[in-house]
Amino acid sequence: MGPTPEKNLQQLLRTMQPTLLEGSYGFVTVAHGKPMPPGLHPLMTYREAEGLTLLLDENELARSGLSHAFFCRGISLNVNSSLYAVGFLAAVSERLARAAMSINIVSAFHRDYIFVPSSRAEEALQALKELAAEAKGAQARAPGR
């Protein structure tokens, strides 16, 4: 199963290595009771009362024939975060909120992903790298170091 997932907020912030995912994505929905169009391979699915939410890459968006919302790029935080970690996604979200950036967070078993407007992906990536660098700098300045 790999290394033990990290719960410590400062350790998560120090060791995250934000990386832009290849490609662009969009969120779509398939109404409750309707089948998902055949041949799709969503990056993410989530069942809601209204229907099935899919996160599709741009090629599958075109093939699906479904209307999409929130055309975006993905950023992997590249740190093995525990599903029980407290404050990590709040810190990430707060940093991007300072830049007035809308985001969608997907937490998977091993790590977290942030989906940001395509036009602001590089800006988001830089903000998250700065957050990690600040956490590393705070550790270096801590008493006893």
Protein backbone atom coordinates (compact mmCIF):
# COMPACT_ATOMS: atom_id res chain seq x y z
CA MET A 1 0.00 0.00 0.00
CA GLY A 2 3.02 2.29 0.21
CA PRO A 3 4.14 4.87 2.75
CA THR A 4 1.91 5.85 5.65
CA PRO A 5 -0.37 8.74 4.63
CA GLU A 6 0.65 12.04 6.23
CA LYS A 7 -1.67 13.87 8.67
CA ASN A 8 0.62 16.64 9.94
CA LEU A 9 -0.37 19.94 8.32
CA GLN A 10 3.10 21.52 8.30
CA GLN A 11 4.69 18.36 6.92
CA LEU A 12 2.05 18.21 4.16
CA LEU A 13 2.64 21.84 3.21
CA ARG A 14 6.45 21.45 3.26
CA THR A 15 6.52 18.29 1.18
CA MET A 16 3.80 18.91 -1.39
CA GLN A 17 5.12 19.17 -4.93
CA PRO A 18 2.33 20.71 -7.03
CA THR A 19 2.43 19.52 -10.62
CA LEU A 20 0.20 20.45 -13.52
CA LEU A 21 -1.61 17.47 -15.05
CA GLU A 22 -1.50 17.00 -18.80
CA GLY A 23 -4.53 18.21 -20.75
CA SER A 24 -7.69 20.11 -19.97
CA TYR A 25 -10.91 18.90 -18.41
CA GLY A 26 -14.55 19.79 -17.94
CA PHE A 27 -17.31 18.75 -15.56
CA VAL A 28 -20.49 17.25 -17.02
CA THR A 29 -23.54 15.59 -15.57
CA VAL A 30 -25.66 12.67 -16.69
CA ALA A 31 -29.22 12.97 -15.37
CA HIS A 32 -30.36 10.48 -12.74
CA GLY A 33 -31.61 7.30 -14.41
CA LYS A 34 -29.87 8.00 -17.72
CA PRO A 35 -26.92 5.87 -18.85
CA MET A 36 -23.45 7.28 -19.19
CA PRO A 37 -22.58 7.64 -22.88
CA PRO A 38 -20.63 4.54 -23.96
CA GLY A 39 -16.89 4.56 -24.38
CA LEU A 40 -16.15 7.30 -21.86
CA HIS A 41 -13.33 6.93 -19.35
CA PRO A 42 -13.87 9.71 -16.79
CA LEU A 43 -11.00 10.87 -14.64
CA MET A 44 -13.52 11.12 -11.81
CA THR A 45 -17.15 10.22 -11.18
CA TYR A 46 -19.44 11.15 -8.33
CA ARG A 47 -23.06 10.08 -7.88
CA GLU A 48 -25.39 12.83 -6.64
CA ALA A 49 -29.17 12.84 -6.20
CA GLU A 50 -29.51 14.77 -9.48
CA GLY A 51 -27.29 12.46 -11.51
CA LEU A 52 -23.75 11.34 -12.18
CA THR A 53 -21.01 13.97 -12.31
CA LEU A 54 -18.11 13.15 -14.62
CA LEU A 55 -14.77 14.86 -15.04
CA LEU A 56 -13.76 14.32 -18.67
CA ASP A 57 -10.70 15.32 -20.66
CA GLU A 58 -11.28 17.63 -23.60
CA ASN A 59 -11.33 14.81 -26.17
CA GLU A 60 -13.98 12.89 -24.26
CA LEU A 61 -15.94 16.11 -23.68
CA ALA A 62 -16.28 16.49 -27.44
CA ARG A 63 -17.25 12.83 -27.96
CA SER A 64 -19.75 12.78 -25.08
CA GLY A 65 -22.14 15.30 -26.61
CA LEU A 66 -22.80 16.58 -23.07
CA SER A 67 -22.72 20.24 -22.09
CA HIS A 68 -19.79 20.96 -19.83
CA ALA A 69 -19.09 23.46 -17.11
CA PHE A 70 -15.85 24.70 -15.61
CA PHE A 71 -13.25 24.09 -18.31
CA CYS A 72 -10.14 23.53 -16.23
CA ARG A 73 -6.64 22.20 -15.70
CA GLY A 74 -5.70 19.87 -12.89
CA ILE A 75 -2.91 20.17 -10.34
CA SER A 76 -1.73 17.16 -8.35
CA LEU A 77 -0.43 18.19 -4.95
CA ASN A 78 1.89 15.14 -5.06
CA VAL A 79 1.97 14.40 -1.37
CA ASN A 80 0.58 11.24 0.24
CA SER A 81 -2.08 12.98 2.33
CA SER A 82 -4.22 11.08 4.80
CA LEU A 83 -7.95 11.21 4.33
CA TYR A 84 -7.92 12.25 8.03
CA ALA A 85 -5.56 15.22 7.55
CA VAL A 86 -6.94 18.42 9.09
CA GLY A 87 -6.42 21.85 7.52
CA PHE A 88 -4.38 20.87 4.46
CA LEU A 89 -7.03 21.54 1.85
CA ALA A 90 -8.21 24.58 3.79
CA ALA A 91 -4.70 26.06 3.54
CA VAL A 92 -4.49 25.28 -0.18
CA SER A 93 -7.98 26.66 -0.78
CA GLU A 94 -7.27 29.80 1.24
CA ARG A 95 -4.12 30.52 -0.76
CA LEU A 96 -6.00 30.31 -4.07
CA ALA A 97 -8.96 32.26 -2.65
CA ARG A 98 -6.56 35.15 -1.95
CA ALA A 99 -6.11 35.30 -5.73
CA ALA A 100 -9.90 35.25 -6.23
CA MET A 101 -9.59 31.89 -7.97
CA SER A 102 -12.46 29.41 -8.15
CA ILE A 103 -11.33 25.85 -7.56
CA ASN A 104 -12.71 22.34 -7.40
CA ILE A 105 -10.94 19.88 -5.12
CA VAL A 106 -10.91 16.13 -5.65
CA SER A 107 -9.54 13.98 -2.85
CA ALA A 108 -8.50 10.53 -3.94
CA PHE A 109 -7.15 7.73 -1.77
CA HIS A 110 -3.47 8.69 -2.07
CA ARG A 111 -3.42 12.39 -2.89
CA ASP A 112 -5.45 15.49 -3.60
CA TYR A 113 -6.07 17.32 -6.85
CA ILE A 114 -7.07 20.92 -7.46
CA PHE A 115 -8.92 21.86 -10.65
CA VAL A 116 -8.57 25.51 -11.61
CA PRO A 117 -9.75 27.63 -14.54
CA SER A 118 -7.58 26.76 -17.56
CA SER A 119 -6.56 30.38 -18.08
CA ARG A 120 -5.17 30.58 -14.52
CA ALA A 121 -3.46 27.19 -14.20
CA GLU A 122 0.13 28.51 -14.22
CA GLU A 123 -0.79 31.21 -11.69
CA ALA A 124 -2.35 28.59 -9.39
CA LEU A 125 0.65 26.30 -9.73
CA GLN A 126 3.01 29.14 -8.79
CA ALA A 127 0.87 30.11 -5.76
CA LEU A 128 0.94 26.52 -4.48
CA LYS A 129 4.69 26.23 -4.99
CA GLU A 130 5.11 29.46 -3.01
CA LEU A 131 2.95 28.02 -0.21
CA ALA A 132 5.23 24.97 -0.03
CA ALA A 133 8.36 27.15 -0.07
CA GLU A 134 6.98 29.32 2.75
CA ALA A 135 6.29 26.21 4.84
CA LYS A 136 9.86 24.99 4.21
CA GLY A 137 11.22 28.42 5.19
CA ALA A 138 9.17 28.43 8.39
CA GLN A 139 10.67 25.07 9.32
CA ALA A 140 14.20 26.36 8.70
CA ARG A 141 13.55 29.41 10.93
CA ALA A 142 12.02 27.34 13.74
CA PRO A 143 13.90 27.46 17.07
CA GLY A 144 16.33 24.59 17.54
CA ARG A 145 17.13 24.29 13.84
